[in-house]
Amino acid sequence: MTPGKDAMAEPKPHPAGNSASAQPLRSIALFTDGACSGNPGPGGWAYILRDGPTGLEREDAGGQANTTNNQMELKAVIEGLKALKRPCLVDLYSDSQYVLQGLQTWMKGWKKHNWRRKGKSGYEPVKNVELWQQLDQLIQIHDVRFHHVRGHSGHPENERCDALAVEASQNHR
């Protein structure tokens, strides 16, 4: 599936403005997961995009030889959002509290303090700052709603993303 190209959602105004020429937002579900064998070690990320109106799906996965689980969780969301060709209403489903808390709570403070977080001895750089900054740019394009799913609890899309991410990590040993 190429979200943003085939099916159209019911018109919803883009959050950036009320112009009559603004394109309607397509409703997309984004399911993500990351995996790592060792921390750091070989890792993988995966996503499933589902177009709301049509149900068409697209999935992708990739990995790195030396990474962390948190980096792969972030990369899964980044790659899923990068696959969208125009602004969308995105329901993001993740089992990563790190990703969800970062996006919903921590990022605002990090940006306020020039991408630094409060540590034991004052402010220190945010870990994985390049990934967080890339994610920050991408979520400015879309209207994103956040949903936590429990990992390894039988959630079909989360289980599929986990399997794809694990397979990708094994390809990077």
Protein backbone atom coordinates (compact mmCIF):
# COMPACT_ATOMS: atom_id res chain seq x y z
CA MET A 1 0.00 0.00 0.00
CA THR A 2 1.13 3.52 -0.63
CA PRO A 3 -0.75 5.57 1.97
CA GLY A 4 -1.73 8.97 0.69
CA LYS A 5 -2.06 7.85 -2.91
CA ASP A 6 -5.04 5.55 -3.45
CA ALA A 7 -7.85 5.80 -0.89
CA MET A 8 -9.21 8.98 0.64
CA ALA A 9 -10.47 9.44 4.18
CA GLU A 10 -13.56 11.48 4.90
CA PRO A 11 -12.51 15.13 4.81
CA LYS A 12 -10.96 16.38 8.03
CA PRO A 13 -9.24 19.76 8.10
CA HIS A 14 -5.47 19.74 8.43
CA PRO A 15 -4.44 20.96 11.91
CA ALA A 16 -2.10 23.53 10.32
CA GLY A 17 -4.93 25.68 9.03
CA ASN A 18 -8.56 26.10 8.04
CA SER A 19 -7.96 26.93 4.39
CA ALA A 20 -10.52 25.58 1.96
CA SER A 21 -7.63 24.37 -0.18
CA ALA A 22 -6.16 22.22 2.60
CA GLN A 23 -6.20 18.53 1.72
CA PRO A 24 -8.23 16.23 3.98
CA LEU A 25 -6.25 14.07 6.36
CA ARG A 26 -6.15 10.36 5.58
CA SER A 27 -6.65 8.11 8.61
CA ILE A 28 -3.69 5.74 9.05
CA ALA A 29 -2.86 3.19 11.76
CA LEU A 30 0.89 2.78 12.39
CA PHE A 31 2.00 -0.27 14.37
CA THR A 32 5.69 -0.40 15.35
CA ASP A 33 8.22 -2.50 17.23
CA GLY A 34 11.95 -2.75 17.73
CA ALA A 35 14.13 -5.65 18.82
CA CYS A 36 17.73 -6.09 19.87
CA SER A 37 19.82 -9.18 20.63
CA GLY A 38 22.04 -7.84 23.37
CA ASN A 39 21.90 -4.20 24.32
CA PRO A 40 23.87 -3.04 22.38
CA GLY A 41 23.90 -5.69 19.71
CA PRO A 42 22.29 -6.53 16.39
CA GLY A 43 18.85 -4.96 16.21
CA GLY A 44 15.81 -4.66 14.02
CA TRP A 45 12.80 -2.41 13.56
CA ALA A 46 9.47 -2.98 11.84
CA TYR A 47 6.21 -1.23 11.10
CA ILE A 48 2.81 -1.91 9.62
CA LEU A 49 0.85 0.93 8.03
CA ARG A 50 -2.89 0.39 7.58
CA ASP A 51 -5.00 2.78 5.53
CA GLY A 52 -8.18 3.44 7.50
CA PRO A 53 -10.68 3.77 4.65
CA THR A 54 -9.44 0.82 2.57
CA GLY A 55 -7.73 -1.48 5.08
CA LEU A 56 -4.77 -1.81 2.70
CA GLU A 57 -1.51 -2.51 4.51
CA ARG A 58 2.18 -1.95 3.96
CA GLU A 59 4.91 -3.38 6.16
CA ASP A 60 8.64 -2.86 6.24
CA ALA A 61 11.58 -3.80 8.42
CA GLY A 62 15.29 -3.18 8.67
CA GLY A 63 18.12 -3.31 11.14
CA GLN A 64 21.64 -2.52 12.22
CA ALA A 65 24.58 -4.58 13.42
CA ASN A 66 25.36 -2.56 16.58
CA THR A 67 22.45 -0.74 18.15
CA THR A 68 20.12 -0.66 21.17
CA ASN A 69 16.50 -1.65 21.66
CA ASN A 70 15.49 1.98 22.27
CA GLN A 71 17.14 3.07 19.02
CA MET A 72 15.25 0.38 17.11
CA GLU A 73 11.93 1.36 18.75
CA LEU A 74 12.52 4.96 17.63
CA LYS A 75 13.65 3.90 14.15
CA ALA A 76 10.44 1.89 13.64
CA VAL A 77 8.29 4.99 14.23
CA ILE A 78 10.59 7.18 12.11
CA GLU A 79 10.52 4.80 9.15
CA GLY A 80 6.75 4.36 9.38
CA LEU A 81 6.14 8.11 9.38
CA LYS A 82 8.67 8.66 6.58
CA ALA A 83 6.70 6.21 4.41
CA LEU A 84 3.68 8.54 4.42
CA LYS A 85 3.62 10.79 1.35
CA ARG A 86 1.42 13.57 2.75
CA PRO A 87 0.08 14.72 6.13
CA CYS A 88 -2.16 12.12 7.78
CA LEU A 89 -4.14 11.48 10.93
CA VAL A 90 -1.92 8.77 12.43
CA ASP A 91 -2.90 6.42 15.24
CA LEU A 92 0.49 5.24 16.51
CA TYR A 93 0.48 1.90 18.35
CA SER A 94 3.67 1.01 20.25
CA ASP A 95 4.67 -1.22 23.14
CA SER A 96 7.54 1.15 23.97
CA GLN A 97 6.90 3.41 26.94
CA TYR A 98 10.24 5.06 26.07
CA VAL A 99 8.87 6.18 22.69
CA LEU A 100 5.41 7.12 23.91
CA GLN A 101 6.57 8.98 27.02
CA GLY A 102 9.25 10.74 25.00
CA LEU A 103 6.77 11.95 22.40
CA GLN A 104 3.96 12.89 24.78
CA THR A 105 5.82 14.19 27.81
CA TRP A 106 9.61 14.46 27.77
CA MET A 107 10.23 16.01 24.35
CA LYS A 108 8.69 19.36 25.26
CA GLY A 109 11.16 19.81 28.14
CA TRP A 110 14.10 18.53 26.10
CA LYS A 111 13.41 21.09 23.40
CA LYS A 112 12.98 23.85 25.98
CA HIS A 113 16.44 22.98 27.35
CA ASN A 114 18.14 22.66 23.93
CA TRP A 115 17.78 18.87 23.76
CA ARG A 116 19.18 18.35 27.24
CA ARG A 117 17.57 16.52 30.15
CA LYS A 118 17.95 16.92 33.86
CA GLY A 119 20.51 14.48 35.24
CA LYS A 120 22.23 13.85 38.55
CA SER A 121 24.76 16.63 38.00
CA GLY A 122 22.69 19.18 36.09
CA TYR A 123 21.54 19.05 32.49
CA GLU A 124 23.05 16.45 30.17
CA PRO A 125 22.47 15.58 26.50
CA VAL A 126 19.40 13.53 25.63
CA LYS A 127 20.32 9.98 24.61
CA ASN A 128 19.59 9.18 20.95
CA VAL A 129 19.12 12.90 20.28
CA GLU A 130 19.52 12.57 16.50
CA LEU A 131 16.67 10.05 16.35
CA TRP A 132 14.47 12.15 18.65
CA GLN A 133 15.09 15.25 16.52
CA GLN A 134 14.21 13.36 13.35
CA LEU A 135 11.05 12.07 15.01
CA ASP A 136 10.20 15.59 16.20
CA GLN A 137 10.31 16.86 12.61
CA LEU A 138 8.11 14.02 11.38
CA ILE A 139 5.39 14.43 14.02
CA GLN A 140 5.08 18.11 13.06
CA ILE A 141 3.82 16.95 9.64
CA HIS A 142 1.09 14.64 10.93
CA ASP A 143 -1.72 14.71 13.48
CA VAL A 144 -0.53 11.84 15.73
CA ARG A 145 -2.52 10.08 18.44
CA PHE A 146 -0.66 7.73 20.77
CA HIS A 147 -1.73 4.26 21.89
CA HIS A 148 0.15 1.88 24.16
CA VAL A 149 -0.16 -1.84 23.49
CA ARG A 150 1.27 -4.47 25.78
CA GLY A 151 4.14 -6.30 24.14
CA HIS A 152 3.88 -10.08 23.73
CA SER A 153 0.22 -10.03 24.76
CA GLY A 154 -1.27 -11.47 21.59
CA HIS A 155 -1.94 -8.14 19.84
CA PRO A 156 -1.79 -9.33 16.18
CA GLU A 157 -0.05 -6.31 14.65
CA ASN A 158 2.40 -5.98 17.55
CA GLU A 159 3.25 -9.67 17.29
CA ARG A 160 3.78 -9.33 13.53
CA CYS A 161 6.02 -6.27 13.99
CA ASP A 162 7.97 -8.12 16.68
CA ALA A 163 8.54 -11.10 14.38
CA LEU A 164 9.68 -8.82 11.53
CA ALA A 165 12.00 -6.85 13.84
CA VAL A 166 13.54 -10.02 15.31
CA GLU A 167 14.10 -11.41 11.80
CA ALA A 168 15.72 -8.14 10.71
CA SER A 169 18.01 -8.20 13.77
CA GLN A 170 19.09 -11.74 12.91
CA ASN A 171 20.03 -10.58 9.41
CA HIS A 172 22.45 -8.06 10.95
CA ARG A 173 24.55 -10.42 13.10
